[in-house]
């Protein structure tokens, strides 16, 4: 099976090639979109709460950018940890292969 293509790597049952590093940017985009939807939900909740409690409504509206930044930061940190783990695995594999040649 050709392991050079995305689908070749996807159906490589020996797991010699990682696809995570190829799709991580798309996962980050999904994380940013999820953070934006959550922030919009907080802002919408703030607008809905204004009619009952003005202070809580304004707080919800003002907290929506903070929610967006924190959720984006959280998704970035998690994805960077995943990338670091996979890069460690790749480099360890290269070191083992290099040691086996000598």
C-alpha atoms as a PDB file:
ATOM      1  CA  UNK A   1       0.000   0.000   0.000  1.00  0.00           C
ATOM      2  CA  UNK A   2       1.273   3.474  -0.845  1.00  0.00           C
ATOM      3  CA  UNK A   3       1.938   5.114   2.529  1.00  0.00           C
ATOM      4  CA  UNK A   4       2.879   8.445   0.937  1.00  0.00           C
ATOM      5  CA  UNK A   5      -0.688   9.637   0.459  1.00  0.00           C
ATOM      6  CA  UNK A   6      -3.097  10.696   3.177  1.00  0.00           C
ATOM      7  CA  UNK A   7      -5.403   7.735   2.588  1.00  0.00           C
ATOM      8  CA  UNK A   8      -2.437   5.406   2.384  1.00  0.00           C
ATOM      9  CA  UNK A   9      -1.378   6.568   5.830  1.00  0.00           C
ATOM     10  CA  UNK A  10      -4.956   6.453   7.092  1.00  0.00           C
ATOM     11  CA  UNK A  11      -5.308   2.768   6.227  1.00  0.00           C
ATOM     12  CA  UNK A  12      -1.762   1.775   7.236  1.00  0.00           C
ATOM     13  CA  UNK A  13      -2.507  -0.821   9.912  1.00  0.00           C
ATOM     14  CA  UNK A  14       1.129  -0.995  11.013  1.00  0.00           C
ATOM     15  CA  UNK A  15       0.985   2.669  12.159  1.00  0.00           C
ATOM     16  CA  UNK A  16       4.445   3.408  10.781  1.00  0.00           C
ATOM     17  CA  UNK A  17       3.324   6.821   9.529  1.00  0.00           C
ATOM     18  CA  UNK A  18       1.478   9.449  11.573  1.00  0.00           C
ATOM     19  CA  UNK A  19      -1.314  11.530  10.042  1.00  0.00           C
ATOM     20  CA  UNK A  20      -1.846  13.656  13.121  1.00  0.00           C
ATOM     21  CA  UNK A  21       0.778  16.189  12.106  1.00  0.00           C
ATOM     22  CA  UNK A  22      -0.956  16.568   8.737  1.00  0.00           C
ATOM     23  CA  UNK A  23      -4.425  17.199  10.170  1.00  0.00           C
ATOM     24  CA  UNK A  24      -3.492  19.199  13.282  1.00  0.00           C
ATOM     25  CA  UNK A  25      -4.050  22.567  11.557  1.00  0.00           C
ATOM     26  CA  UNK A  26      -7.587  21.519  10.652  1.00  0.00           C
ATOM     27  CA  UNK A  27      -8.218  20.460  14.239  1.00  0.00           C
ATOM     28  CA  UNK A  28      -7.027  23.885  15.364  1.00  0.00           C
ATOM     29  CA  UNK A  29      -9.442  25.561  12.936  1.00  0.00           C
ATOM     30  CA  UNK A  30     -12.244  23.430  14.364  1.00  0.00           C
ATOM     31  CA  UNK A  31     -11.155  24.462  17.878  1.00  0.00           C
ATOM     32  CA  UNK A  32     -11.265  28.141  16.935  1.00  0.00           C
ATOM     33  CA  UNK A  33     -14.722  27.720  15.403  1.00  0.00           C
ATOM     34  CA  UNK A  34     -15.946  25.931  18.544  1.00  0.00           C
ATOM     35  CA  UNK A  35     -14.494  28.734  20.695  1.00  0.00           C
ATOM     36  CA  UNK A  36     -16.252  31.350  18.551  1.00  0.00           C
ATOM     37  CA  UNK A  37     -19.582  29.531  18.788  1.00  0.00           C
ATOM     38  CA  UNK A  38     -19.176  29.258  22.560  1.00  0.00           C
ATOM     39  CA  UNK A  39     -18.321  32.949  22.847  1.00  0.00           C
ATOM     40  CA  UNK A  40     -21.335  33.851  20.733  1.00  0.00           C
ATOM     41  CA  UNK A  41     -23.462  31.700  23.025  1.00  0.00           C
ATOM     42  CA  UNK A  42     -22.138  33.546  26.072  1.00  0.00           C
ATOM     43  CA  UNK A  43     -22.819  36.889  24.367  1.00  0.00           C
ATOM     44  CA  UNK A  44     -26.306  35.743  23.363  1.00  0.00           C
ATOM     45  CA  UNK A  45     -26.971  34.611  26.907  1.00  0.00           C
ATOM     46  CA  UNK A  46     -25.801  38.014  28.085  1.00  0.00           C
ATOM     47  CA  UNK A  47     -28.200  39.785  25.753  1.00  0.00           C
ATOM     48  CA  UNK A  48     -31.027  37.525  26.903  1.00  0.00           C
ATOM     49  CA  UNK A  49     -30.172  38.112  30.570  1.00  0.00           C
ATOM     50  CA  UNK A  50     -30.201  41.911  30.265  1.00  0.00           C
ATOM     51  CA  UNK A  51     -33.988  42.017  30.533  1.00  0.00           C
ATOM     52  CA  UNK A  52     -33.885  40.207  33.903  1.00  0.00           C
ATOM     53  CA  UNK A  53     -30.618  41.409  35.433  1.00  0.00           C
ATOM     54  CA  UNK A  54     -28.724  44.210  33.721  1.00  0.00           C
ATOM     55  CA  UNK A  55     -25.441  43.527  35.536  1.00  0.00           C
ATOM     56  CA  UNK A  56     -25.340  39.824  34.661  1.00  0.00           C
ATOM     57  CA  UNK A  57     -26.273  40.600  31.073  1.00  0.00           C
ATOM     58  CA  UNK A  58     -23.480  43.129  30.641  1.00  0.00           C
ATOM     59  CA  UNK A  59     -21.058  40.745  32.372  1.00  0.00           C
ATOM     60  CA  UNK A  60     -21.998  37.976  29.930  1.00  0.00           C
ATOM     61  CA  UNK A  61     -21.507  40.282  26.963  1.00  0.00           C
ATOM     62  CA  UNK A  62     -18.146  41.510  28.249  1.00  0.00           C
ATOM     63  CA  UNK A  63     -16.969  37.994  29.104  1.00  0.00           C
ATOM     64  CA  UNK A  64     -17.587  36.583  25.626  1.00  0.00           C
ATOM     65  CA  UNK A  65     -14.229  37.778  24.180  1.00  0.00           C
ATOM     66  CA  UNK A  66     -12.468  36.397  27.263  1.00  0.00           C
ATOM     67  CA  UNK A  67     -14.194  33.050  26.748  1.00  0.00           C
ATOM     68  CA  UNK A  68     -13.106  33.050  23.105  1.00  0.00           C
ATOM     69  CA  UNK A  69      -9.462  33.778  23.936  1.00  0.00           C
ATOM     70  CA  UNK A  70      -9.313  31.230  26.767  1.00  0.00           C
ATOM     71  CA  UNK A  71     -10.915  28.441  24.725  1.00  0.00           C
ATOM     72  CA  UNK A  72      -8.651  29.186  21.761  1.00  0.00           C
ATOM     73  CA  UNK A  73      -5.635  29.120  24.081  1.00  0.00           C
ATOM     74  CA  UNK A  74      -6.778  25.845  25.616  1.00  0.00           C
ATOM     75  CA  UNK A  75      -7.223  24.187  22.227  1.00  0.00           C
ATOM     76  CA  UNK A  76      -3.794  25.465  21.138  1.00  0.00           C
ATOM     77  CA  UNK A  77      -2.122  24.102  24.276  1.00  0.00           C
ATOM     78  CA  UNK A  78      -3.731  20.686  23.888  1.00  0.00           C
ATOM     79  CA  UNK A  79      -2.830  20.456  20.206  1.00  0.00           C
ATOM     80  CA  UNK A  80       0.755  21.584  20.862  1.00  0.00           C
ATOM     81  CA  UNK A  81       1.088  18.858  23.495  1.00  0.00           C
ATOM     82  CA  UNK A  82      -0.154  16.310  20.976  1.00  0.00           C
ATOM     83  CA  UNK A  83       2.278  17.572  18.319  1.00  0.00           C
ATOM     84  CA  UNK A  84       5.165  17.466  20.793  1.00  0.00           C
ATOM     85  CA  UNK A  85       4.308  13.873  21.694  1.00  0.00           C
ATOM     86  CA  UNK A  86       4.207  12.797  18.063  1.00  0.00           C
ATOM     87  CA  UNK A  87       7.457  14.595  17.253  1.00  0.00           C
ATOM     88  CA  UNK A  88       9.136  12.871  20.186  1.00  0.00           C
ATOM     89  CA  UNK A  89       7.889   9.547  18.824  1.00  0.00           C
ATOM     90  CA  UNK A  90       9.158  10.336  15.325  1.00  0.00           C
ATOM     91  CA  UNK A  91      12.569  11.454  16.560  1.00  0.00           C
ATOM     92  CA  UNK A  92      12.881   8.414  18.815  1.00  0.00           C
ATOM     93  CA  UNK A  93      12.110   6.172  15.842  1.00  0.00           C
ATOM     94  CA  UNK A  94      14.793   7.932  13.782  1.00  0.00           C
ATOM     95  CA  UNK A  95      17.329   7.505  16.582  1.00  0.00           C
ATOM     96  CA  UNK A  96      16.562   3.799  16.893  1.00  0.00           C
ATOM     97  CA  UNK A  97      16.854   3.322  13.121  1.00  0.00           C
ATOM     98  CA  UNK A  98      20.149   5.210  13.102  1.00  0.00           C
ATOM     99  CA  UNK A  99      21.498   3.108  15.966  1.00  0.00           C
ATOM    100  CA  UNK A 100      20.476  -0.114  14.222  1.00  0.00           C
ATOM    101  CA  UNK A 101      22.509   0.898  11.135  1.00  0.00           C
ATOM    102  CA  UNK A 102      25.717   1.168  13.190  1.00  0.00           C
END
